[in-house]
């Protein structure tokens, strides 16, 4: 594998992570909004709940991306 191939692969991986981050942000926001609508009120610690949801989804999704791309 040449130096160029490694750079291209890293660039694609960065692109995948960026796209996934934006999608996960939107999904977490919609999910939290749905939970609040179901409860009929805004949650007190909304930002903490949002952070936890985003963190959990991000860790799982980024691990999946790394596994699919075969990177350590």
PDB file of N, CA and C in Angstrom:
ATOM      1  N   UNK A   1       0.852  -1.174   0.000  1.00  0.00           N
ATOM      2  CA  UNK A   1       0.000   0.000   0.000  1.00  0.00           C
ATOM      3  C   UNK A   1       0.900   1.241   0.000  1.00  0.00           C
ATOM      4  N   UNK A   2       0.672   2.117  -0.924  1.00  0.00           N
ATOM      5  CA  UNK A   2       1.490   3.320  -1.038  1.00  0.00           C
ATOM      6  C   UNK A   2       1.029   4.373  -0.047  1.00  0.00           C
ATOM      7  N   UNK A   3       1.858   5.396   0.084  1.00  0.00           N
ATOM      8  CA  UNK A   3       1.524   6.515   0.979  1.00  0.00           C
ATOM      9  C   UNK A   3       0.234   7.192   0.531  1.00  0.00           C
ATOM     10  N   UNK A   4       0.044   7.312  -0.777  1.00  0.00           N
ATOM     11  CA  UNK A   4      -1.170   7.939  -1.312  1.00  0.00           C
ATOM     12  C   UNK A   4      -2.404   7.135  -0.932  1.00  0.00           C
ATOM     13  N   UNK A   5      -2.322   5.799  -1.002  1.00  0.00           N
ATOM     14  CA  UNK A   5      -3.461   4.949  -0.651  1.00  0.00           C
ATOM     15  C   UNK A   5      -3.845   5.127   0.811  1.00  0.00           C
ATOM     16  N   UNK A   6      -2.856   5.231   1.691  1.00  0.00           N
ATOM     17  CA  UNK A   6      -3.139   5.423   3.108  1.00  0.00           C
ATOM     18  C   UNK A   6      -3.794   6.773   3.359  1.00  0.00           C
ATOM     19  N   UNK A   7      -3.338   7.810   2.656  1.00  0.00           N
ATOM     20  CA  UNK A   7      -3.941   9.137   2.809  1.00  0.00           C
ATOM     21  C   UNK A   7      -5.377   9.152   2.310  1.00  0.00           C
ATOM     22  N   UNK A   8      -5.634   8.506   1.171  1.00  0.00           N
ATOM     23  CA  UNK A   8      -6.987   8.460   0.614  1.00  0.00           C
ATOM     24  C   UNK A   8      -7.916   7.689   1.540  1.00  0.00           C
ATOM     25  N   UNK A   9      -7.414   6.592   2.092  1.00  0.00           N
ATOM     26  CA  UNK A   9      -8.224   5.794   3.009  1.00  0.00           C
ATOM     27  C   UNK A   9      -8.549   6.585   4.267  1.00  0.00           C
ATOM     28  N   UNK A  10      -7.571   7.326   4.786  1.00  0.00           N
ATOM     29  CA  UNK A  10      -7.787   8.153   5.967  1.00  0.00           C
ATOM     30  C   UNK A  10      -8.767   9.275   5.696  1.00  0.00           C
ATOM     31  N   UNK A  11      -8.700   9.839   4.499  1.00  0.00           N
ATOM     32  CA  UNK A  11      -9.631  10.902   4.129  1.00  0.00           C
ATOM     33  C   UNK A  11     -11.052  10.382   4.042  1.00  0.00           C
ATOM     34  N   UNK A  12     -11.224   9.208   3.470  1.00  0.00           N
ATOM     35  CA  UNK A  12     -12.551   8.613   3.376  1.00  0.00           C
ATOM     36  C   UNK A  12     -13.079   8.269   4.761  1.00  0.00           C
ATOM     37  N   UNK A  13     -12.209   7.762   5.614  1.00  0.00           N
ATOM     38  CA  UNK A  13     -12.624   7.432   6.978  1.00  0.00           C
ATOM     39  C   UNK A  13     -13.075   8.690   7.709  1.00  0.00           C
ATOM     40  N   UNK A  14     -12.358   9.783   7.542  1.00  0.00           N
ATOM     41  CA  UNK A  14     -12.742  11.050   8.166  1.00  0.00           C
ATOM     42  C   UNK A  14     -14.087  11.531   7.640  1.00  0.00           C
ATOM     43  N   UNK A  15     -14.311  11.359   6.345  1.00  0.00           N
ATOM     44  CA  UNK A  15     -15.586  11.744   5.748  1.00  0.00           C
ATOM     45  C   UNK A  15     -16.731  10.911   6.330  1.00  0.00           C
ATOM     46  N   UNK A  16     -16.524   9.608   6.452  1.00  0.00           N
ATOM     47  CA  UNK A  16     -17.552   8.732   7.028  1.00  0.00           C
ATOM     48  C   UNK A  16     -17.866   9.128   8.475  1.00  0.00           C
ATOM     49  N   UNK A  17     -16.827   9.409   9.256  1.00  0.00           N
ATOM     50  CA  UNK A  17     -17.038   9.803  10.649  1.00  0.00           C
ATOM     51  C   UNK A  17     -17.798  11.124  10.734  1.00  0.00           C
ATOM     52  N   UNK A  18     -17.476  12.063   9.859  1.00  0.00           N
ATOM     53  CA  UNK A  18     -18.146  13.365   9.869  1.00  0.00           C
ATOM     54  C   UNK A  18     -19.614  13.233   9.506  1.00  0.00           C
ATOM     55  N   UNK A  19     -19.896  12.484   8.463  1.00  0.00           N
ATOM     56  CA  UNK A  19     -21.291  12.266   8.050  1.00  0.00           C
ATOM     57  C   UNK A  19     -22.061  11.559   9.161  1.00  0.00           C
ATOM     58  N   UNK A  20     -21.438  10.546   9.761  1.00  0.00           N
ATOM     59  CA  UNK A  20     -22.093   9.808  10.845  1.00  0.00           C
ATOM     60  C   UNK A  20     -22.373  10.731  12.034  1.00  0.00           C
ATOM     61  N   UNK A  21     -21.439  11.621  12.343  1.00  0.00           N
ATOM     62  CA  UNK A  21     -21.624  12.532  13.479  1.00  0.00           C
ATOM     63  C   UNK A  21     -22.819  13.457  13.258  1.00  0.00           C
ATOM     64  N   UNK A  22     -22.948  13.982  12.051  1.00  0.00           N
ATOM     65  CA  UNK A  22     -24.070  14.874  11.751  1.00  0.00           C
ATOM     66  C   UNK A  22     -25.393  14.114  11.836  1.00  0.00           C
ATOM     67  N   UNK A  23     -25.423  12.917  11.269  1.00  0.00           N
ATOM     68  CA  UNK A  23     -26.647  12.105  11.295  1.00  0.00           C
ATOM     69  C   UNK A  23     -27.001  11.727  12.734  1.00  0.00           C
ATOM     70  N   UNK A  24     -26.010  11.335  13.522  1.00  0.00           N
ATOM     71  CA  UNK A  24     -26.270  10.951  14.907  1.00  0.00           C
ATOM     72  C   UNK A  24     -26.765  12.134  15.738  1.00  0.00           C
ATOM     73  N   UNK A  25     -26.259  13.324  15.466  1.00  0.00           N
ATOM     74  CA  UNK A  25     -26.740  14.522  16.161  1.00  0.00           C
ATOM     75  C   UNK A  25     -28.229  14.720  15.884  1.00  0.00           C
ATOM     76  N   UNK A  26     -28.601  14.622  14.616  1.00  0.00           N
ATOM     77  CA  UNK A  26     -29.998  14.812  14.239  1.00  0.00           C
ATOM     78  C   UNK A  26     -30.893  13.711  14.809  1.00  0.00           C
ATOM     79  N   UNK A  27     -30.416  12.471  14.777  1.00  0.00           N
ATOM     80  CA  UNK A  27     -31.183  11.344  15.313  1.00  0.00           C
ATOM     81  C   UNK A  27     -31.374  11.514  16.822  1.00  0.00           C
ATOM     82  N   UNK A  28     -30.318  11.892  17.524  1.00  0.00           N
ATOM     83  CA  UNK A  28     -30.413  12.077  18.979  1.00  0.00           C
ATOM     84  C   UNK A  28     -31.396  13.193  19.322  1.00  0.00           C
ATOM     85  N   UNK A  29     -31.362  14.271  18.550  1.00  0.00           N
ATOM     86  CA  UNK A  29     -32.275  15.382  18.788  1.00  0.00           C
ATOM     87  C   UNK A  29     -33.722  14.945  18.589  1.00  0.00           C
ATOM     88  N   UNK A  30     -33.987  14.233  17.501  1.00  0.00           N
ATOM     89  CA  UNK A  30     -35.353  13.753  17.226  1.00  0.00           C
ATOM     90  C   UNK A  30     -35.813  12.757  18.280  1.00  0.00           C
ATOM     91  N   UNK A  31     -34.911  11.870  18.685  1.00  0.00           N
ATOM     92  CA  UNK A  31     -35.246  10.862  19.686  1.00  0.00           C
ATOM     93  C   UNK A  31     -35.583  11.519  21.028  1.00  0.00           C
ATOM     94  N   UNK A  32     -34.772  12.483  21.441  1.00  0.00           N
ATOM     95  CA  UNK A  32     -35.036  13.185  22.695  1.00  0.00           C
ATOM     96  C   UNK A  32     -36.343  13.963  22.616  1.00  0.00           C
ATOM     97  N   UNK A  33     -36.578  14.608  21.494  1.00  0.00           N
ATOM     98  CA  UNK A  33     -37.826  15.350  21.316  1.00  0.00           C
ATOM     99  C   UNK A  33     -39.029  14.402  21.393  1.00  0.00           C
ATOM    100  N   UNK A  34     -38.914  13.230  20.786  1.00  0.00           N
ATOM    101  CA  UNK A  34     -39.998  12.244  20.845  1.00  0.00           C
ATOM    102  C   UNK A  34     -40.250  11.757  22.260  1.00  0.00           C
ATOM    103  N   UNK A  35     -39.179  11.529  23.004  1.00  0.00           N
ATOM    104  CA  UNK A  35     -39.334  11.096  24.396  1.00  0.00           C
ATOM    105  C   UNK A  35     -40.010  12.184  25.237  1.00  0.00           C
ATOM    106  N   UNK A  36     -39.644  13.430  24.981  1.00  0.00           N
ATOM    107  CA  UNK A  36     -40.249  14.531  25.737  1.00  0.00           C
ATOM    108  C   UNK A  36     -41.727  14.704  25.369  1.00  0.00           C
ATOM    109  N   UNK A  37     -42.054  14.544  24.121  1.00  0.00           N
ATOM    110  CA  UNK A  37     -43.458  14.631  23.708  1.00  0.00           C
ATOM    111  C   UNK A  37     -44.275  13.514  24.352  1.00  0.00           C
ATOM    112  N   UNK A  38     -43.682  12.332  24.390  1.00  0.00           N
ATOM    113  CA  UNK A  38     -44.375  11.185  24.999  1.00  0.00           C
ATOM    114  C   UNK A  38     -44.600  11.422  26.496  1.00  0.00           C
ATOM    115  N   UNK A  39     -43.611  12.049  27.146  1.00  0.00           N
ATOM    116  CA  UNK A  39     -43.735  12.341  28.578  1.00  0.00           C
ATOM    117  C   UNK A  39     -44.631  13.551  28.820  1.00  0.00           C
ATOM    118  N   UNK A  40     -44.815  14.374  27.787  1.00  0.00           N
ATOM    119  CA  UNK A  40     -45.671  15.552  27.922  1.00  0.00           C
ATOM    120  C   UNK A  40     -45.009  16.733  28.600  1.00  0.00           C
ATOM    121  N   UNK A  41     -43.693  16.718  28.695  1.00  0.00           N
ATOM    122  CA  UNK A  41     -42.964  17.807  29.338  1.00  0.00           C
ATOM    123  C   UNK A  41     -41.506  17.799  28.885  1.00  0.00           C
ATOM    124  N   UNK A  42     -40.844  18.927  29.120  1.00  0.00           N
ATOM    125  CA  UNK A  42     -39.404  19.006  28.862  1.00  0.00           C
ATOM    126  C   UNK A  42     -38.671  18.383  30.047  1.00  0.00           C
ATOM    127  N   UNK A  43     -37.623  17.627  29.768  1.00  0.00           N
ATOM    128  CA  UNK A  43     -36.853  17.028  30.848  1.00  0.00           C
ATOM    129  C   UNK A  43     -35.962  18.081  31.506  1.00  0.00           C
ATOM    130  N   UNK A  44     -35.755  17.914  32.819  1.00  0.00           N
ATOM    131  CA  UNK A  44     -34.947  18.869  33.575  1.00  0.00           C
ATOM    132  C   UNK A  44     -33.516  18.924  33.074  1.00  0.00           C
ATOM    133  N   UNK A  45     -32.900  17.787  32.957  1.00  0.00           N
ATOM    134  CA  UNK A  45     -31.489  17.702  32.543  1.00  0.00           C
ATOM    135  C   UNK A  45     -31.391  17.303  31.068  1.00  0.00           C
ATOM    136  N   UNK A  46     -32.049  18.068  30.242  1.00  0.00           N
ATOM    137  CA  UNK A  46     -32.151  17.759  28.816  1.00  0.00           C
ATOM    138  C   UNK A  46     -30.775  17.621  28.161  1.00  0.00           C
ATOM    139  N   UNK A  47     -29.866  18.516  28.477  1.00  0.00           N
ATOM    140  CA  UNK A  47     -28.546  18.483  27.843  1.00  0.00           C
ATOM    141  C   UNK A  47     -27.742  17.253  28.265  1.00  0.00           C
ATOM    142  N   UNK A  48     -27.896  16.822  29.496  1.00  0.00           N
ATOM    143  CA  UNK A  48     -27.184  15.631  29.969  1.00  0.00           C
ATOM    144  C   UNK A  48     -27.746  14.377  29.288  1.00  0.00           C
ATOM    145  N   UNK A  49     -29.040  14.308  29.155  1.00  0.00           N
ATOM    146  CA  UNK A  49     -29.681  13.181  28.484  1.00  0.00           C
ATOM    147  C   UNK A  49     -29.270  13.147  27.013  1.00  0.00           C
ATOM    148  N   UNK A  50     -29.278  14.318  26.371  1.00  0.00           N
ATOM    149  CA  UNK A  50     -28.868  14.411  24.969  1.00  0.00           C
ATOM    150  C   UNK A  50     -27.424  13.955  24.806  1.00  0.00           C
ATOM    151  N   UNK A  51     -26.549  14.416  25.695  1.00  0.00           N
ATOM    152  CA  UNK A  51     -25.140  14.030  25.630  1.00  0.00           C
ATOM    153  C   UNK A  51     -24.974  12.525  25.787  1.00  0.00           C
ATOM    154  N   UNK A  52     -25.680  11.930  26.731  1.00  0.00           N
ATOM    155  CA  UNK A  52     -25.582  10.484  26.936  1.00  0.00           C
ATOM    156  C   UNK A  52     -26.053   9.694  25.720  1.00  0.00           C
ATOM    157  N   UNK A  53     -27.155  10.134  25.138  1.00  0.00           N
ATOM    158  CA  UNK A  53     -27.665   9.455  23.938  1.00  0.00           C
ATOM    159  C   UNK A  53     -26.677   9.596  22.785  1.00  0.00           C
ATOM    160  N   UNK A  54     -26.172  10.792  22.577  1.00  0.00           N
ATOM    161  CA  UNK A  54     -25.234  11.039  21.484  1.00  0.00           C
ATOM    162  C   UNK A  54     -23.937  10.270  21.689  1.00  0.00           C
ATOM    163  N   UNK A  55     -23.450  10.233  22.908  1.00  0.00           N
ATOM    164  CA  UNK A  55     -22.220   9.506  23.208  1.00  0.00           C
ATOM    165  C   UNK A  55     -22.381   8.013  22.944  1.00  0.00           C
ATOM    166  N   UNK A  56     -23.463   7.435  23.452  1.00  0.00           N
ATOM    167  CA  UNK A  56     -23.686   6.005  23.248  1.00  0.00           C
ATOM    168  C   UNK A  56     -23.822   5.634  21.781  1.00  0.00           C
ATOM    169  N   UNK A  57     -24.622   6.393  21.055  1.00  0.00           N
ATOM    170  CA  UNK A  57     -24.799   6.131  19.629  1.00  0.00           C
ATOM    171  C   UNK A  57     -23.496   6.334  18.858  1.00  0.00           C
ATOM    172  N   UNK A  58     -22.729   7.346  19.236  1.00  0.00           N
ATOM    173  CA  UNK A  58     -21.462   7.622  18.553  1.00  0.00           C
ATOM    174  C   UNK A  58     -20.454   6.504  18.762  1.00  0.00           C
ATOM    175  N   UNK A  59     -20.308   6.047  19.986  1.00  0.00           N
ATOM    176  CA  UNK A  59     -19.352   4.972  20.259  1.00  0.00           C
ATOM    177  C   UNK A  59     -19.694   3.715  19.469  1.00  0.00           C
ATOM    178  N   UNK A  60     -20.970   3.366  19.454  1.00  0.00           N
ATOM    179  CA  UNK A  60     -21.385   2.171  18.714  1.00  0.00           C
ATOM    180  C   UNK A  60     -21.196   2.348  17.206  1.00  0.00           C
ATOM    181  N   UNK A  61     -21.595   3.490  16.687  1.00  0.00           N
ATOM    182  CA  UNK A  61     -21.508   3.729  15.246  1.00  0.00           C
ATOM    183  C   UNK A  61     -20.060   3.837  14.785  1.00  0.00           C
ATOM    184  N   UNK A  62     -19.222   4.546  15.530  1.00  0.00           N
ATOM    185  CA  UNK A  62     -17.821   4.687  15.125  1.00  0.00           C
ATOM    186  C   UNK A  62     -17.087   3.351  15.198  1.00  0.00           C
ATOM    187  N   UNK A  63     -17.424   2.520  16.181  1.00  0.00           N
ATOM    188  CA  UNK A  63     -16.825   1.180  16.246  1.00  0.00           C
ATOM    189  C   UNK A  63     -17.249   0.353  15.033  1.00  0.00           C
ATOM    190  N   UNK A  64     -18.497   0.481  14.640  1.00  0.00           N
ATOM    191  CA  UNK A  64     -18.993  -0.231  13.461  1.00  0.00           C
ATOM    192  C   UNK A  64     -18.283   0.243  12.194  1.00  0.00           C
ATOM    193  N   UNK A  65     -18.105   1.547  12.059  1.00  0.00           N
ATOM    194  CA  UNK A  65     -17.401   2.081  10.882  1.00  0.00           C
ATOM    195  C   UNK A  65     -15.973   1.561  10.835  1.00  0.00           C
ATOM    196  N   UNK A  66     -15.299   1.588  11.962  1.00  0.00           N
ATOM    197  CA  UNK A  66     -13.914   1.092  12.006  1.00  0.00           C
ATOM    198  C   UNK A  66     -13.856  -0.393  11.651  1.00  0.00           C
ATOM    199  N   UNK A  67     -14.817  -1.170  12.136  1.00  0.00           N
ATOM    200  CA  UNK A  67     -14.824  -2.608  11.839  1.00  0.00           C
ATOM    201  C   UNK A  67     -15.092  -2.865  10.354  1.00  0.00           C
ATOM    202  N   UNK A  68     -16.015  -2.107   9.781  1.00  0.00           N
ATOM    203  CA  UNK A  68     -16.331  -2.276   8.371  1.00  0.00           C
ATOM    204  C   UNK A  68     -15.175  -1.858   7.455  1.00  0.00           C
ATOM    205  N   UNK A  69     -14.433  -0.833   7.884  1.00  0.00           N
ATOM    206  CA  UNK A  69     -13.300  -0.384   7.074  1.00  0.00           C
ATOM    207  C   UNK A  69     -12.034  -1.192   7.347  1.00  0.00           C
ATOM    208  N   UNK A  70     -12.069  -2.004   8.393  1.00  0.00           N
ATOM    209  CA  UNK A  70     -10.910  -2.852   8.713  1.00  0.00           C
ATOM    210  C   UNK A  70      -9.745  -2.091   9.278  1.00  0.00           C
ATOM    211  N   UNK A  71     -10.006  -1.004  10.013  1.00  0.00           N
ATOM    212  CA  UNK A  71      -8.931  -0.232  10.625  1.00  0.00           C
ATOM    213  C   UNK A  71      -8.868  -0.577  12.104  1.00  0.00           C
ATOM    214  N   UNK A  72      -7.657  -0.575  12.653  1.00  0.00           N
ATOM    215  CA  UNK A  72      -7.500  -0.914  14.089  1.00  0.00           C
ATOM    216  C   UNK A  72      -7.990   0.161  15.012  1.00  0.00           C
TER     217      UNK A  72
END
